[in-house]
Amino acid sequence: MVEDDVLRRRAVLPIGTVMTLTTLTARQIRYFEAQGLVKPLRNAGNHRMYSLNDVDSLIAIVNQRRSGMTLADIKRVREHKQQHTSDATARRLLREELYNQRFGQSGQSPYSQGFH
């Protein structure tokens, strides 16, 4: 469901919670951020705030590293997946995000219902 995706992209988790969920240290999480593998948002106090998608990405990175992949391998795989995101999907996600910013995040976007 599209609304689930919108909820998973909300940056609401502080780094301490992410550390608990991923078993990574703050230093490791910040390193993966510096490598461009996660992109947390910043709150008004300039603290990193992570989404559930960020947590999923970090867990995937841990699992990929355990399986022997290098960070270069992981970046390559992620870039390949990002390149295959269709224009239509990217436009739909952008419309939904703009709708949520304008009308509040609690309402369901008409774009997620197939109305264009």
PDB file of N, CA and C in Angstrom:
ATOM      1  N   MET A   1       0.841  -1.174   0.000  1.00  0.00           N
ATOM      2  CA  MET A   1       0.000   0.000   0.000  1.00  0.00           C
ATOM      3  C   MET A   1       0.889   1.241   0.000  1.00  0.00           C
ATOM      4  N   VAL A   2       0.483   2.225  -0.757  1.00  0.00           N
ATOM      5  CA  VAL A   2       1.286   3.432  -0.901  1.00  0.00           C
ATOM      6  C   VAL A   2       1.390   4.187   0.416  1.00  0.00           C
ATOM      7  N   GLU A   3       0.319   4.225   1.184  1.00  0.00           N
ATOM      8  CA  GLU A   3       0.344   4.935   2.455  1.00  0.00           C
ATOM      9  C   GLU A   3       1.390   4.330   3.386  1.00  0.00           C
ATOM     10  N   ASP A   4       1.564   3.014   3.339  1.00  0.00           N
ATOM     11  CA  ASP A   4       2.595   2.364   4.141  1.00  0.00           C
ATOM     12  C   ASP A   4       3.972   2.885   3.761  1.00  0.00           C
ATOM     13  N   ASP A   5       4.204   3.067   2.465  1.00  0.00           N
ATOM     14  CA  ASP A   5       5.488   3.571   1.999  1.00  0.00           C
ATOM     15  C   ASP A   5       5.735   4.986   2.515  1.00  0.00           C
ATOM     16  N   VAL A   6       4.703   5.798   2.513  1.00  0.00           N
ATOM     17  CA  VAL A   6       4.825   7.168   3.027  1.00  0.00           C
ATOM     18  C   VAL A   6       5.185   7.136   4.513  1.00  0.00           C
ATOM     19  N   LEU A   7       4.541   6.246   5.253  1.00  0.00           N
ATOM     20  CA  LEU A   7       4.835   6.129   6.687  1.00  0.00           C
ATOM     21  C   LEU A   7       6.254   5.627   6.920  1.00  0.00           C
ATOM     22  N   ARG A   8       6.713   4.696   6.104  1.00  0.00           N
ATOM     23  CA  ARG A   8       8.060   4.140   6.256  1.00  0.00           C
ATOM     24  C   ARG A   8       9.136   5.167   5.930  1.00  0.00           C
ATOM     25  N   ARG A   9       8.790   6.206   5.171  1.00  0.00           N
ATOM     26  CA  ARG A   9       9.769   7.239   4.813  1.00  0.00           C
ATOM     27  C   ARG A   9       9.826   8.376   5.832  1.00  0.00           C
ATOM     28  N   ARG A  10       8.943   8.383   6.802  1.00  0.00           N
ATOM     29  CA  ARG A  10       8.959   9.453   7.814  1.00  0.00           C
ATOM     30  C   ARG A  10      10.172   9.299   8.721  1.00  0.00           C
ATOM     31  N   ALA A  11      10.924  10.350   8.835  1.00  0.00           N
ATOM     32  CA  ALA A  11      12.130  10.338   9.671  1.00  0.00           C
ATOM     33  C   ALA A  11      11.746  10.713  11.101  1.00  0.00           C
ATOM     34  N   VAL A  12      11.588   9.702  11.944  1.00  0.00           N
ATOM     35  CA  VAL A  12      11.131   9.944  13.319  1.00  0.00           C
ATOM     36  C   VAL A  12      11.987   9.251  14.371  1.00  0.00           C
ATOM     37  N   LEU A  13      12.967   8.462  13.942  1.00  0.00           N
ATOM     38  CA  LEU A  13      13.759   7.680  14.890  1.00  0.00           C
ATOM     39  C   LEU A  13      15.107   8.337  15.169  1.00  0.00           C
ATOM     40  N   PRO A  14      15.430   8.571  16.431  1.00  0.00           N
ATOM     41  CA  PRO A  14      16.752   9.110  16.763  1.00  0.00           C
ATOM     42  C   PRO A  14      17.819   8.025  16.625  1.00  0.00           C
ATOM     43  N   ILE A  15      19.060   8.432  16.570  1.00  0.00           N
ATOM     44  CA  ILE A  15      20.155   7.497  16.327  1.00  0.00           C
ATOM     45  C   ILE A  15      20.250   6.416  17.404  1.00  0.00           C
ATOM     46  N   GLY A  16      19.912   6.740  18.637  1.00  0.00           N
ATOM     47  CA  GLY A  16      19.965   5.731  19.703  1.00  0.00           C
ATOM     48  C   GLY A  16      19.025   4.569  19.443  1.00  0.00           C
ATOM     49  N   THR A  17      17.838   4.865  18.961  1.00  0.00           N
ATOM     50  CA  THR A  17      16.884   3.815  18.626  1.00  0.00           C
ATOM     51  C   THR A  17      17.385   2.997  17.448  1.00  0.00           C
ATOM     52  N   VAL A  18      17.956   3.674  16.470  1.00  0.00           N
ATOM     53  CA  VAL A  18      18.489   2.988  15.297  1.00  0.00           C
ATOM     54  C   VAL A  18      19.643   2.070  15.703  1.00  0.00           C
ATOM     55  N   MET A  19      20.462   2.514  16.628  1.00  0.00           N
ATOM     56  CA  MET A  19      21.558   1.680  17.127  1.00  0.00           C
ATOM     57  C   MET A  19      21.013   0.393  17.746  1.00  0.00           C
ATOM     58  N   THR A  20      19.953   0.526  18.527  1.00  0.00           N
ATOM     59  CA  THR A  20      19.349  -0.639  19.167  1.00  0.00           C
ATOM     60  C   THR A  20      18.758  -1.595  18.135  1.00  0.00           C
ATOM     61  N   LEU A  21      18.092  -1.052  17.135  1.00  0.00           N
ATOM     62  CA  LEU A  21      17.432  -1.883  16.124  1.00  0.00           C
ATOM     63  C   LEU A  21      18.418  -2.579  15.184  1.00  0.00           C
ATOM     64  N   THR A  22      19.562  -1.947  14.936  1.00  0.00           N
ATOM     65  CA  THR A  22      20.494  -2.471  13.929  1.00  0.00           C
ATOM     66  C   THR A  22      21.734  -3.128  14.512  1.00  0.00           C
ATOM     67  N   THR A  23      21.993  -2.961  15.781  1.00  0.00           N
ATOM     68  CA  THR A  23      23.212  -3.416  16.480  1.00  0.00           C
ATOM     69  C   THR A  23      24.464  -2.710  15.978  1.00  0.00           C
ATOM     70  N   LEU A  24      24.300  -1.592  15.297  1.00  0.00           N
ATOM     71  CA  LEU A  24      25.441  -0.794  14.841  1.00  0.00           C
ATOM     72  C   LEU A  24      25.759   0.277  15.880  1.00  0.00           C
ATOM     73  N   THR A  25      26.992   0.742  15.869  1.00  0.00           N
ATOM     74  CA  THR A  25      27.369   1.865  16.726  1.00  0.00           C
ATOM     75  C   THR A  25      27.023   3.163  16.002  1.00  0.00           C
ATOM     76  N   ALA A  26      26.977   4.250  16.757  1.00  0.00           N
ATOM     77  CA  ALA A  26      26.723   5.558  16.148  1.00  0.00           C
ATOM     78  C   ALA A  26      27.802   5.873  15.111  1.00  0.00           C
ATOM     79  N   ARG A  27      29.024   5.503  15.416  1.00  0.00           N
ATOM     80  CA  ARG A  27      30.124   5.758  14.484  1.00  0.00           C
ATOM     81  C   ARG A  27      29.915   5.005  13.170  1.00  0.00           C
ATOM     82  N   GLN A  28      29.473   3.749  13.244  1.00  0.00           N
ATOM     83  CA  GLN A  28      29.233   2.970  12.028  1.00  0.00           C
ATOM     84  C   GLN A  28      28.088   3.578  11.210  1.00  0.00           C
ATOM     85  N   ILE A  29      27.027   3.974  11.894  1.00  0.00           N
ATOM     86  CA  ILE A  29      25.884   4.577  11.204  1.00  0.00           C
ATOM     87  C   ILE A  29      26.306   5.864  10.505  1.00  0.00           C
ATOM     88  N   ARG A  30      27.069   6.706  11.197  1.00  0.00           N
ATOM     89  CA  ARG A  30      27.538   7.952  10.588  1.00  0.00           C
ATOM     90  C   ARG A  30      28.492   7.676   9.421  1.00  0.00           C
ATOM     91  N   TYR A  31      29.284   6.605   9.521  1.00  0.00           N
ATOM     92  CA  TYR A  31      30.181   6.233   8.420  1.00  0.00           C
ATOM     93  C   TYR A  31      29.369   5.851   7.185  1.00  0.00           C
ATOM     94  N   PHE A  32      28.316   5.034   7.385  1.00  0.00           N
ATOM     95  CA  PHE A  32      27.472   4.650   6.258  1.00  0.00           C
ATOM     96  C   PHE A  32      26.772   5.869   5.668  1.00  0.00           C
ATOM     97  N   GLU A  33      26.445   6.830   6.507  1.00  0.00           N
ATOM     98  CA  GLU A  33      25.874   8.088   6.020  1.00  0.00           C
ATOM     99  C   GLU A  33      26.903   8.835   5.175  1.00  0.00           C
ATOM    100  N   ALA A  34      28.129   8.921   5.673  1.00  0.00           N
ATOM    101  CA  ALA A  34      29.185   9.619   4.931  1.00  0.00           C
ATOM    102  C   ALA A  34      29.459   8.950   3.583  1.00  0.00           C
ATOM    103  N   GLN A  35      29.235   7.650   3.512  1.00  0.00           N
ATOM    104  CA  GLN A  35      29.427   6.906   2.264  1.00  0.00           C
ATOM    105  C   GLN A  35      28.213   7.030   1.336  1.00  0.00           C
ATOM    106  N   GLY A  36      27.176   7.715   1.788  1.00  0.00           N
ATOM    107  CA  GLY A  36      25.986   7.922   0.964  1.00  0.00           C
ATOM    108  C   GLY A  36      25.021   6.754   0.945  1.00  0.00           C
ATOM    109  N   LEU A  37      25.167   5.822   1.878  1.00  0.00           N
ATOM    110  CA  LEU A  37      24.302   4.645   1.898  1.00  0.00           C
ATOM    111  C   LEU A  37      22.988   4.875   2.639  1.00  0.00           C
ATOM    112  N   VAL A  38      22.955   5.841   3.536  1.00  0.00           N
ATOM    113  CA  VAL A  38      21.718   6.283   4.185  1.00  0.00           C
ATOM    114  C   VAL A  38      21.753   7.801   4.227  1.00  0.00           C
ATOM    115  N   LYS A  39      20.568   8.391   4.215  1.00  0.00           N
ATOM    116  CA  LYS A  39      20.481   9.850   4.205  1.00  0.00           C
ATOM    117  C   LYS A  39      19.434  10.306   5.211  1.00  0.00           C
ATOM    118  N   PRO A  40      19.800  10.323   6.495  1.00  0.00           N
ATOM    119  CA  PRO A  40      18.825  10.756   7.498  1.00  0.00           C
ATOM    120  C   PRO A  40      18.526  12.247   7.351  1.00  0.00           C
ATOM    121  N   LEU A  41      17.339  12.612   7.770  1.00  0.00           N
ATOM    122  CA  LEU A  41      16.977  14.025   7.799  1.00  0.00           C
ATOM    123  C   LEU A  41      17.447  14.618   9.111  1.00  0.00           C
ATOM    124  N   ARG A  42      17.403  15.915   9.206  1.00  0.00           N
ATOM    125  CA  ARG A  42      17.766  16.616  10.448  1.00  0.00           C
ATOM    126  C   ARG A  42      16.530  17.307  11.001  1.00  0.00           C
ATOM    127  N   ASN A  43      16.379  17.264  12.316  1.00  0.00           N
ATOM    128  CA  ASN A  43      15.252  17.951  12.933  1.00  0.00           C
ATOM    129  C   ASN A  43      15.644  19.400  13.223  1.00  0.00           C
ATOM    130  N   ALA A  44      14.764  20.129  13.880  1.00  0.00           N
ATOM    131  CA  ALA A  44      15.009  21.541  14.159  1.00  0.00           C
ATOM    132  C   ALA A  44      16.258  21.754  15.005  1.00  0.00           C
ATOM    133  N   GLY A  45      16.588  20.782  15.848  1.00  0.00           N
ATOM    134  CA  GLY A  45      17.783  20.866  16.680  1.00  0.00           C
ATOM    135  C   GLY A  45      19.030  20.322  15.988  1.00  0.00           C
ATOM    136  N   ASN A  46      18.920  20.028  14.701  1.00  0.00           N
ATOM    137  CA  ASN A  46      20.007  19.515  13.867  1.00  0.00           C
ATOM    138  C   ASN A  46      20.429  18.092  14.235  1.00  0.00           C
ATOM    139  N   HIS A  47      19.526  17.337  14.868  1.00  0.00           N
ATOM    140  CA  HIS A  47      19.803  15.943  15.193  1.00  0.00           C
ATOM    141  C   HIS A  47      19.352  15.060  14.042  1.00  0.00           C
ATOM    142  N   ARG A  48      20.103  14.000  13.796  1.00  0.00           N
ATOM    143  CA  ARG A  48      19.730  13.049  12.750  1.00  0.00           C
ATOM    144  C   ARG A  48      18.449  12.322  13.153  1.00  0.00           C
ATOM    145  N   MET A  49      17.548  12.201  12.190  1.00  0.00           N
ATOM    146  CA  MET A  49      16.316  11.453  12.397  1.00  0.00           C
ATOM    147  C   MET A  49      16.189  10.459  11.248  1.00  0.00           C
ATOM    148  N   TYR A  50      15.959   9.206  11.595  1.00  0.00           N
ATOM    149  CA  TYR A  50      15.952   8.126  10.618  1.00  0.00           C
ATOM    150  C   TYR A  50      14.542   7.604  10.402  1.00  0.00           C
ATOM    151  N   SER A  51      14.321   7.072   9.215  1.00  0.00           N
ATOM    152  CA  SER A  51      13.038   6.460   8.878  1.00  0.00           C
ATOM    153  C   SER A  51      13.163   4.943   9.005  1.00  0.00           C
ATOM    154  N   LEU A  52      12.035   4.266   8.911  1.00  0.00           N
ATOM    155  CA  LEU A  52      12.068   2.800   8.908  1.00  0.00           C
ATOM    156  C   LEU A  52      12.804   2.287   7.671  1.00  0.00           C
ATOM    157  N   ASN A  53      12.695   3.015   6.564  1.00  0.00           N
ATOM    158  CA  ASN A  53      13.451   2.635   5.364  1.00  0.00           C
ATOM    159  C   ASN A  53      14.954   2.729   5.612  1.00  0.00           C
ATOM    160  N   ASP A  54      15.385   3.746   6.363  1.00  0.00           N
ATOM    161  CA  ASP A  54      16.806   3.867   6.710  1.00  0.00           C
ATOM    162  C   ASP A  54      17.248   2.670   7.547  1.00  0.00           C
ATOM    163  N   VAL A  55      16.415   2.270   8.507  1.00  0.00           N
ATOM    164  CA  VAL A  55      16.735   1.122   9.356  1.00  0.00           C
ATOM    165  C   VAL A  55      16.844  -0.135   8.492  1.00  0.00           C
ATOM    166  N   ASP A  56      15.894  -0.313   7.577  1.00  0.00           N
ATOM    167  CA  ASP A  56      15.952  -1.466   6.670  1.00  0.00           C
ATOM    168  C   ASP A  56      17.241  -1.453   5.856  1.00  0.00           C
ATOM    169  N   SER A  57      17.631  -0.281   5.374  1.00  0.00           N
ATOM    170  CA  SER A  57      18.869  -0.160   4.589  1.00  0.00           C
ATOM    171  C   SER A  57      20.087  -0.531   5.426  1.00  0.00           C
ATOM    172  N   LEU A  58      20.124  -0.060   6.653  1.00  0.00           N
ATOM    173  CA  LEU A  58      21.259  -0.366   7.519  1.00  0.00           C
ATOM    174  C   LEU A  58      21.328  -1.859   7.845  1.00  0.00           C
ATOM    175  N   ILE A  59      20.185  -2.468   8.088  1.00  0.00           N
ATOM    176  CA  ILE A  59      20.169  -3.911   8.348  1.00  0.00           C
ATOM    177  C   ILE A  59      20.630  -4.669   7.107  1.00  0.00           C
ATOM    178  N   ALA A  60      20.186  -4.220   5.944  1.00  0.00           N
ATOM    179  CA  ALA A  60      20.621  -4.859   4.696  1.00  0.00           C
ATOM    180  C   ALA A  60      22.129  -4.721   4.517  1.00  0.00           C
ATOM    181  N   ILE A  61      22.670  -3.554   4.848  1.00  0.00           N
ATOM    182  CA  ILE A  61      24.117  -3.341   4.737  1.00  0.00           C
ATOM    183  C   ILE A  61      24.865  -4.309   5.652  1.00  0.00           C
ATOM    184  N   VAL A  62      24.394  -4.447   6.884  1.00  0.00           N
ATOM    185  CA  VAL A  62      25.027  -5.372   7.833  1.00  0.00           C
ATOM    186  C   VAL A  62      25.013  -6.790   7.256  1.00  0.00           C
ATOM    187  N   ASN A  63      23.868  -7.212   6.735  1.00  0.00           N
ATOM    188  CA  ASN A  63      23.762  -8.559   6.169  1.00  0.00           C
ATOM    189  C   ASN A  63      24.636  -8.734   4.932  1.00  0.00           C
ATOM    190  N   GLN A  64      24.694  -7.708   4.092  1.00  0.00           N
ATOM    191  CA  GLN A  64      25.538  -7.781   2.895  1.00  0.00           C
ATOM    192  C   GLN A  64      27.014  -7.843   3.270  1.00  0.00           C
ATOM    193  N   ARG A  65      27.401  -7.084   4.274  1.00  0.00           N
ATOM    194  CA  ARG A  65      28.797  -7.112   4.729  1.00  0.00           C
ATOM    195  C   ARG A  65      29.139  -8.494   5.301  1.00  0.00           C
ATOM    196  N   ARG A  66      28.200  -9.072   6.061  1.00  0.00           N
ATOM    197  CA  ARG A  66      28.421 -10.409   6.628  1.00  0.00           C
ATOM    198  C   ARG A  66      28.561 -11.467   5.533  1.00  0.00           C
ATOM    199  N   SER A  67      27.892 -11.246   4.403  1.00  0.00           N
ATOM    200  CA  SER A  67      27.965 -12.207   3.303  1.00  0.00           C
ATOM    201  C   SER A  67      29.214 -12.010   2.448  1.00  0.00           C
ATOM    202  N   GLY A  68      30.033 -11.007   2.806  1.00  0.00           N
ATOM    203  CA  GLY A  68      31.297 -10.809   2.115  1.00  0.00           C
ATOM    204  C   GLY A  68      31.332  -9.669   1.120  1.00  0.00           C
ATOM    205  N   MET A  69      30.243  -8.946   0.973  1.00  0.00           N
ATOM    206  CA  MET A  69      30.238  -7.825   0.025  1.00  0.00           C
ATOM    207  C   MET A  69      31.046  -6.658   0.588  1.00  0.00           C
ATOM    208  N   THR A  70      31.732  -5.963  -0.283  1.00  0.00           N
ATOM    209  CA  THR A  70      32.437  -4.742   0.106  1.00  0.00           C
ATOM    210  C   THR A  70      31.463  -3.573   0.013  1.00  0.00           C
ATOM    211  N   LEU A  71      31.849  -2.436   0.579  1.00  0.00           N
ATOM    212  CA  LEU A  71      30.996  -1.248   0.461  1.00  0.00           C
ATOM    213  C   LEU A  71      30.851  -0.834  -0.994  1.00  0.00           C
ATOM    214  N   ALA A  72      31.906  -1.013  -1.789  1.00  0.00           N
ATOM    215  CA  ALA A  72      31.830  -0.690  -3.218  1.00  0.00           C
ATOM    216  C   ALA A  72      30.787  -1.571  -3.906  1.00  0.00           C
ATOM    217  N   ASP A  73      30.743  -2.855  -3.536  1.00  0.00           N
ATOM    218  CA  ASP A  73      29.742  -3.770  -4.098  1.00  0.00           C
ATOM    219  C   ASP A  73      28.335  -3.307  -3.717  1.00  0.00           C
ATOM    220  N   ILE A  74      28.164  -2.961  -2.464  1.00  0.00           N
ATOM    221  CA  ILE A  74      26.856  -2.538  -1.965  1.00  0.00           C
ATOM    222  C   ILE A  74      26.408  -1.269  -2.684  1.00  0.00           C
ATOM    223  N   LYS A  75      27.303  -0.313  -2.843  1.00  0.00           N
ATOM    224  CA  LYS A  75      26.973   0.923  -3.557  1.00  0.00           C
ATOM    225  C   LYS A  75      26.568   0.623  -4.994  1.00  0.00           C
ATOM    226  N   ARG A  76      27.302  -0.258  -5.644  1.00  0.00           N
ATOM    227  CA  ARG A  76      27.013  -0.608  -7.030  1.00  0.00           C
ATOM    228  C   ARG A  76      25.613  -1.218  -7.165  1.00  0.00           C
ATOM    229  N   VAL A  77      25.270  -2.126  -6.263  1.00  0.00           N
ATOM    230  CA  VAL A  77      23.951  -2.754  -6.282  1.00  0.00           C
ATOM    231  C   VAL A  77      22.861  -1.705  -6.073  1.00  0.00           C
ATOM    232  N   ARG A  78      23.071  -0.809  -5.125  1.00  0.00           N
ATOM    233  CA  ARG A  78      22.070   0.229  -4.831  1.00  0.00           C
ATOM    234  C   ARG A  78      21.905   1.190  -6.001  1.00  0.00           C
ATOM    235  N   GLU A  79      23.001   1.574  -6.623  1.00  0.00           N
ATOM    236  CA  GLU A  79      22.920   2.476  -7.776  1.00  0.00           C
ATOM    237  C   GLU A  79      22.164   1.813  -8.921  1.00  0.00           C
ATOM    238  N   HIS A  80      22.404   0.534  -9.121  1.00  0.00           N
ATOM    239  CA  HIS A  80      21.713  -0.200 -10.174  1.00  0.00           C
ATOM    240  C   HIS A  80      20.211  -0.215  -9.922  1.00  0.00           C
ATOM    241  N   LYS A  81      19.800  -0.451  -8.680  1.00  0.00           N
ATOM    242  CA  LYS A  81      18.373  -0.461  -8.338  1.00  0.00           C
ATOM    243  C   LYS A  81      17.752   0.914  -8.522  1.00  0.00           C
ATOM    244  N   GLN A  82      18.487   1.964  -8.134  1.00  0.00           N
ATOM    245  CA  GLN A  82      17.958   3.320  -8.261  1.00  0.00           C
ATOM    246  C   GLN A  82      17.788   3.713  -9.723  1.00  0.00           C
ATOM    247  N   GLN A  83      18.665   3.267 -10.582  1.00  0.00           N
ATOM    248  CA  GLN A  83      18.576   3.604 -12.000  1.00  0.00           C
ATOM    249  C   GLN A  83      17.357   2.955 -12.635  1.00  0.00           C
ATOM    250  N   HIS A  84      16.882   1.854 -12.069  1.00  0.00           N
ATOM    251  CA  HIS A  84      15.757   1.151 -12.657  1.00  0.00           C
ATOM    252  C   HIS A  84      14.410   1.583 -12.094  1.00  0.00           C
ATOM    253  N   THR A  85      14.399   2.621 -11.278  1.00  0.00           N
ATOM    254  CA  THR A  85      13.137   3.177 -10.823  1.00  0.00           C
ATOM    255  C   THR A  85      12.530   3.931 -11.994  1.00  0.00           C
ATOM    256  N   SER A  86      11.324   3.577 -12.364  1.00  0.00           N
ATOM    257  CA  SER A  86      10.712   4.193 -13.539  1.00  0.00           C
ATOM    258  C   SER A  86      10.382   5.657 -13.273  1.00  0.00           C
ATOM    259  N   ASP A  87      10.322   6.420 -14.343  1.00  0.00           N
ATOM    260  CA  ASP A  87       9.937   7.822 -14.237  1.00  0.00           C
ATOM    261  C   ASP A  87       8.537   7.955 -13.655  1.00  0.00           C
ATOM    262  N   ALA A  88       7.642   7.065 -14.070  1.00  0.00           N
ATOM    263  CA  ALA A  88       6.266   7.129 -13.576  1.00  0.00           C
ATOM    264  C   ALA A  88       6.222   6.920 -12.065  1.00  0.00           C
ATOM    265  N   THR A  89       7.006   5.968 -11.567  1.00  0.00           N
ATOM    266  CA  THR A  89       7.051   5.713 -10.127  1.00  0.00           C
ATOM    267  C   THR A  89       7.628   6.923  -9.398  1.00  0.00           C
ATOM    268  N   ALA A  90       8.706   7.474  -9.929  1.00  0.00           N
ATOM    269  CA  ALA A  90       9.331   8.641  -9.300  1.00  0.00           C
ATOM    270  C   ALA A  90       8.371   9.823  -9.279  1.00  0.00           C
ATOM    271  N   ARG A  91       7.653  10.041 -10.357  1.00  0.00           N
ATOM    272  CA  ARG A  91       6.693  11.151 -10.406  1.00  0.00           C
ATOM    273  C   ARG A  91       5.546  10.933  -9.425  1.00  0.00           C
ATOM    274  N   ARG A  92       5.045   9.690  -9.326  1.00  0.00           N
ATOM    275  CA  ARG A  92       3.966   9.385  -8.396  1.00  0.00           C
ATOM    276  C   ARG A  92       4.413   9.645  -6.964  1.00  0.00           C
ATOM    277  N   LEU A  93       5.614   9.182  -6.618  1.00  0.00           N
ATOM    278  CA  LEU A  93       6.119   9.397  -5.260  1.00  0.00           C
ATOM    279  C   LEU A  93       6.296  10.877  -4.962  1.00  0.00           C
ATOM    280  N   LEU A  94       6.762  11.636  -5.944  1.00  0.00           N
ATOM    281  CA  LEU A  94       6.936  13.080  -5.752  1.00  0.00           C
ATOM    282  C   LEU A  94       5.579  13.758  -5.549  1.00  0.00           C
ATOM    283  N   ARG A  95       4.589  13.400  -6.359  1.00  0.00           N
ATOM    284  CA  ARG A  95       3.244  13.980  -6.195  1.00  0.00           C
ATOM    285  C   ARG A  95       2.691  13.688  -4.808  1.00  0.00           C
ATOM    286  N   GLU A  96       2.859  12.451  -4.357  1.00  0.00           N
ATOM    287  CA  GLU A  96       2.357  12.077  -3.035  1.00  0.00           C
ATOM    288  C   GLU A  96       3.058  12.851  -1.932  1.00  0.00           C
ATOM    289  N   GLU A  97       4.355  13.004  -2.063  1.00  0.00           N
ATOM    290  CA  GLU A  97       5.113  13.741  -1.051  1.00  0.00           C
ATOM    291  C   GLU A  97       4.687  15.205  -1.017  1.00  0.00           C
ATOM    292  N   LEU A  98       4.520  15.819  -2.180  1.00  0.00           N
ATOM    293  CA  LEU A  98       4.072  17.216  -2.238  1.00  0.00           C
ATOM    294  C   LEU A  98       2.669  17.358  -1.663  1.00  0.00           C
ATOM    295  N   TYR A  99       1.796  16.420  -1.980  1.00  0.00           N
ATOM    296  CA  TYR A  99       0.447  16.443  -1.435  1.00  0.00           C
ATOM    297  C   TYR A  99       0.485  16.370   0.092  1.00  0.00           C
ATOM    298  N   ASN A 100       1.291  15.462   0.614  1.00  0.00           N
ATOM    299  CA  ASN A 100       1.382  15.296   2.073  1.00  0.00           C
ATOM    300  C   ASN A 100       1.948  16.533   2.744  1.00  0.00           C
ATOM    301  N   GLN A 101       2.908  17.183   2.106  1.00  0.00           N
ATOM    302  CA  GLN A 101       3.471  18.398   2.682  1.00  0.00           C
ATOM    303  C   GLN A 101       2.454  19.525   2.680  1.00  0.00           C
ATOM    304  N   ARG A 102       1.634  19.583   1.648  1.00  0.00           N
ATOM    305  CA  ARG A 102       0.671  20.671   1.529  1.00  0.00           C
ATOM    306  C   ARG A 102      -0.562  20.452   2.400  1.00  0.00           C
ATOM    307  N   PHE A 103      -1.067  19.225   2.438  1.00  0.00           N
ATOM    308  CA  PHE A 103      -2.334  18.961   3.114  1.00  0.00           C
ATOM    309  C   PHE A 103      -2.199  18.162   4.395  1.00  0.00           C
ATOM    310  N   GLY A 104      -0.985  17.920   4.831  1.00  0.00           N
ATOM    311  CA  GLY A 104      -0.787  17.170   6.066  1.00  0.00           C
ATOM    312  C   GLY A 104      -0.563  15.708   5.787  1.00  0.00           C
ATOM    313  N   GLN A 105       0.199  15.079   6.637  1.00  0.00           N
ATOM    314  CA  GLN A 105       0.606  13.703   6.415  1.00  0.00           C
ATOM    315  C   GLN A 105      -0.446  12.704   6.849  1.00  0.00           C
ATOM    316  N   SER A 106      -1.496  13.152   7.516  1.00  0.00           N
ATOM    317  CA  SER A 106      -2.488  12.201   8.002  1.00  0.00           C
ATOM    318  C   SER A 106      -3.493  11.805   6.929  1.00  0.00           C
ATOM    319  N   GLY A 107      -3.717  12.678   5.954  1.00  0.00           N
ATOM    320  CA  GLY A 107      -4.680  12.368   4.906  1.00  0.00           C
ATOM    321  C   GLY A 107      -4.066  11.500   3.825  1.00  0.00           C
ATOM    322  N   GLN A 108      -4.923  10.743   3.160  1.00  0.00           N
ATOM    323  CA  GLN A 108      -4.425   9.903   2.070  1.00  0.00           C
ATOM    324  C   GLN A 108      -4.456  10.715   0.793  1.00  0.00           C
ATOM    325  N   SER A 109      -3.377  10.651   0.066  1.00  0.00           N
ATOM    326  CA  SER A 109      -3.269  11.376  -1.182  1.00  0.00           C
ATOM    327  C   SER A 109      -4.196  10.791  -2.217  1.00  0.00           C
ATOM    328  N   PRO A 110      -4.863  11.654  -3.014  1.00  0.00           N
ATOM    329  CA  PRO A 110      -5.692  11.118  -4.088  1.00  0.00           C
ATOM    330  C   PRO A 110      -4.850  10.390  -5.127  1.00  0.00           C
ATOM    331  N   TYR A 111      -3.558  10.669  -5.179  1.00  0.00           N
ATOM    332  CA  TYR A 111      -2.677  10.014  -6.135  1.00  0.00           C
ATOM    333  C   TYR A 111      -2.475   8.561  -5.771  1.00  0.00           C
ATOM    334  N   SER A 112      -2.533   8.229  -4.498  1.00  0.00           N
ATOM    335  CA  SER A 112      -2.360   6.842  -4.097  1.00  0.00           C
ATOM    336  C   SER A 112      -3.609   6.016  -4.416  1.00  0.00           C
ATOM    337  N   GLN A 113      -4.721   6.699  -4.703  1.00  0.00           N
ATOM    338  CA  GLN A 113      -5.955   6.006  -5.030  1.00  0.00           C
ATOM    339  C   GLN A 113      -6.131   5.856  -6.527  1.00  0.00           C
ATOM    340  N   GLY A 114      -5.186   6.348  -7.292  1.00  0.00           N
ATOM    341  CA  GLY A 114      -5.254   6.205  -8.732  1.00  0.00           C
ATOM    342  C   GLY A 114      -5.921   7.381  -9.427  1.00  0.00           C
ATOM    343  N   PHE A 115      -6.245   8.473  -8.715  1.00  0.00           N
ATOM    344  CA  PHE A 115      -6.828   9.653  -9.338  1.00  0.00           C
ATOM    345  C   PHE A 115      -5.727  10.582  -9.783  1.00  0.00           C
ATOM    346  N   HIS A 116      -5.709  10.983 -11.027  1.00  0.00           N
ATOM    347  CA  HIS A 116      -4.630  11.854 -11.514  1.00  0.00           C
ATOM    348  C   HIS A 116      -5.232  13.086 -12.094  1.00  0.00           C
TER     349      HIS A 116
END
